Amino acid sequence: MLRDTHIALQRIVDEQLAPFSQGIDDALLERAFNTVRLRRSHRSDVITRFRVISNRLFMNKRGRCIGERHTHFIHGLLTLLETHDTPDVDFIMSMDDNPPCEAADEPLPIGTFGKYDGCSSMLLPCWSMMQQRSLRACPAPNATDSFT
């Protein structure tokens, strides 16, 4: 069962990263973060740029609120950083089930847990798959002060 889950997750990752085979640079991340229009009617629209530098988490958020899903995602990242040496990485996430998608001339590297036709964001494995006991190998972190 666990092996099948990992194979399915790898297939999703490969499909979603295919448009970025030439790589994702800082300029593309900046365009993605600044291009998305947040909808005033959707209080949950939040786009967050996460940066891990020397195993520390930094965030830059556009939007009004941070909901439970966002909090759990941050908690998971902090757990990972507390229990593993993690390479420096820079990525953007939308936590909304109906993410704001921008018609653009290029696919934008924005991770999301749900998307619709015409949305160029990267679909990540659903939240329930990430919560499977067999996939969780890290204990909960003792502190949440490792991001600013």
Protein backbone atom coordinates (compact mmCIF):
# COMPACT_ATOMS: atom_id res chain seq x y z
CA MET A 1 0.00 0.00 0.00
CA LEU A 2 2.73 2.47 0.98
CA ARG A 3 4.74 1.64 -2.18
CA ASP A 4 1.65 2.25 -4.35
CA THR A 5 1.09 5.59 -2.62
CA HIS A 6 4.68 6.64 -3.26
CA ILE A 7 4.42 5.63 -6.94
CA ALA A 8 1.20 7.65 -7.29
CA LEU A 9 2.79 10.67 -5.58
CA GLN A 10 5.83 10.48 -7.87
CA ARG A 11 3.60 10.37 -10.96
CA ILE A 12 1.75 13.50 -9.79
CA VAL A 13 5.02 15.32 -9.10
CA ASP A 14 6.47 14.37 -12.50
CA GLU A 15 3.34 15.52 -14.37
CA GLN A 16 3.09 18.81 -12.53
CA LEU A 17 6.77 19.69 -12.87
CA ALA A 18 6.93 18.83 -16.60
CA PRO A 19 6.31 22.46 -17.74
CA PHE A 20 9.32 23.52 -15.67
CA SER A 21 11.87 21.10 -17.12
CA GLN A 22 14.20 24.04 -17.86
CA GLY A 23 14.11 24.97 -14.18
CA ILE A 24 12.42 27.54 -11.98
CA ASP A 25 14.51 30.63 -11.33
CA ASP A 26 14.01 33.61 -9.01
CA ALA A 27 12.62 35.77 -11.82
CA LEU A 28 9.87 33.20 -12.56
CA LEU A 29 9.00 32.96 -8.87
CA GLU A 30 8.78 36.76 -8.64
CA ARG A 31 6.48 36.90 -11.68
CA ALA A 32 4.28 34.15 -10.23
CA PHE A 33 4.03 35.78 -6.80
CA ASN A 34 3.24 39.23 -8.22
CA THR A 35 1.03 38.16 -11.17
CA VAL A 36 -1.76 36.37 -9.33
CA ARG A 37 -4.73 38.63 -8.64
CA LEU A 38 -6.32 37.93 -5.29
CA ARG A 39 -10.12 38.08 -5.36
CA ARG A 40 -11.74 40.50 -2.92
CA SER A 41 -14.79 38.26 -2.64
CA HIS A 42 -12.68 35.31 -1.44
CA ARG A 43 -11.41 36.04 2.06
CA SER A 44 -9.39 32.81 1.97
CA ASP A 45 -7.27 33.80 -1.04
CA VAL A 46 -3.71 33.65 0.21
CA ILE A 47 -0.55 33.26 -1.83
CA THR A 48 2.57 32.59 0.23
CA ARG A 49 6.17 32.47 -0.87
CA PHE A 50 8.20 30.18 1.36
CA ARG A 51 11.98 30.24 1.52
CA VAL A 52 14.10 27.77 3.40
CA ILE A 53 17.59 29.14 4.00
CA SER A 54 20.04 27.30 6.26
CA ASN A 55 17.17 25.19 7.63
CA ARG A 56 15.13 28.27 8.64
CA LEU A 57 11.70 29.08 7.22
CA PHE A 58 10.87 32.55 5.89
CA MET A 59 7.47 33.58 4.50
CA ASN A 60 6.05 36.42 2.41
CA LYS A 61 2.24 36.37 2.23
CA ARG A 62 -0.26 38.15 -0.04
CA GLY A 63 -3.85 37.92 1.09
CA ARG A 64 -6.03 38.47 4.09
CA CYS A 65 -6.10 35.47 6.35
CA ILE A 66 -4.18 32.39 7.28
CA GLY A 67 -6.59 29.51 7.76
CA GLU A 68 -6.28 26.12 9.40
CA ARG A 69 -4.83 24.46 6.30
CA HIS A 70 -2.16 27.16 6.04
CA THR A 71 -1.30 26.76 9.73
CA HIS A 72 -1.01 22.97 9.39
CA PHE A 73 1.15 23.33 6.28
CA ILE A 74 3.50 25.70 8.12
CA HIS A 75 3.57 23.33 11.09
CA GLY A 76 4.52 20.48 8.75
CA LEU A 77 7.33 22.52 7.21
CA LEU A 78 8.65 23.44 10.65
CA THR A 79 8.54 19.78 11.67
CA LEU A 80 10.53 18.84 8.58
CA LEU A 81 13.10 21.56 9.23
CA GLU A 82 13.44 20.58 12.88
CA THR A 83 14.00 16.90 12.15
CA HIS A 84 15.90 16.90 8.83
CA ASP A 85 18.71 18.81 7.17
CA THR A 86 16.85 20.45 4.33
CA PRO A 87 18.43 22.08 1.27
CA ASP A 88 17.71 25.75 0.61
CA VAL A 89 14.52 26.03 -1.42
CA ASP A 90 12.15 28.76 -2.59
CA PHE A 91 8.52 28.00 -3.55
CA ILE A 92 5.01 29.49 -3.71
CA MET A 93 1.80 27.95 -2.36
CA SER A 94 -1.91 28.72 -2.57
CA MET A 95 -3.90 27.06 0.22
CA ASP A 96 -7.36 27.70 -1.24
CA ASP A 97 -9.39 24.79 -2.70
CA ASN A 98 -10.37 27.14 -5.52
CA PRO A 99 -7.03 28.87 -6.11
CA PRO A 100 -6.76 32.17 -7.92
CA CYS A 101 -5.36 31.34 -11.34
CA GLU A 102 -4.03 33.90 -13.70
CA ALA A 103 -4.15 33.64 -17.46
CA ALA A 104 -0.48 33.97 -18.29
CA ASP A 105 1.78 33.40 -21.24
CA GLU A 106 3.60 30.73 -19.25
CA PRO A 107 2.82 28.18 -16.55
CA LEU A 108 3.36 29.66 -13.11
CA PRO A 109 5.06 27.62 -10.38
CA ILE A 110 2.37 27.96 -7.72
CA GLY A 111 1.62 24.85 -5.71
CA THR A 112 -1.99 24.18 -4.78
CA PHE A 113 -4.13 21.35 -3.40
CA GLY A 114 -6.90 21.85 -5.97
CA LYS A 115 -7.22 23.33 -9.45
CA TYR A 116 -9.53 23.51 -12.43
CA ASP A 117 -9.16 23.43 -16.23
CA GLY A 118 -7.16 26.37 -17.47
CA CYS A 119 -5.38 26.82 -14.16
CA SER A 120 -1.62 26.73 -14.62
CA SER A 121 -0.73 26.09 -10.99
CA MET A 122 0.95 22.85 -9.90
CA LEU A 123 -1.44 20.35 -8.36
CA LEU A 124 0.06 18.78 -5.26
CA PRO A 125 -1.11 15.55 -3.65
CA CYS A 126 -4.31 16.07 -1.71
CA TRP A 127 -4.12 17.02 1.93
CA SER A 128 -5.56 13.67 3.07
CA MET A 129 -2.72 11.77 1.35
CA MET A 130 -0.20 13.91 3.18
CA GLN A 131 -1.88 13.10 6.48
CA GLN A 132 -1.68 9.30 6.12
CA ARG A 133 -0.04 7.87 9.20
CA SER A 134 2.31 5.77 7.06
CA LEU A 135 3.70 8.89 5.39
CA ARG A 136 4.36 10.77 8.64
CA ALA A 137 7.79 9.97 9.98
CA CYS A 138 8.46 13.18 11.90
CA PRO A 139 7.44 14.01 15.48
CA ALA A 140 5.70 17.33 16.11
CA PRO A 141 8.03 20.29 16.58
CA ASN A 142 8.54 21.78 20.03
CA ALA A 143 8.65 25.38 18.85
CA THR A 144 7.29 27.45 16.00
CA ASP A 145 9.68 30.37 16.28
CA SER A 146 11.96 29.34 13.42
CA PHE A 147 10.29 31.57 10.86
CA THR A 148 10.12 35.32 10.59
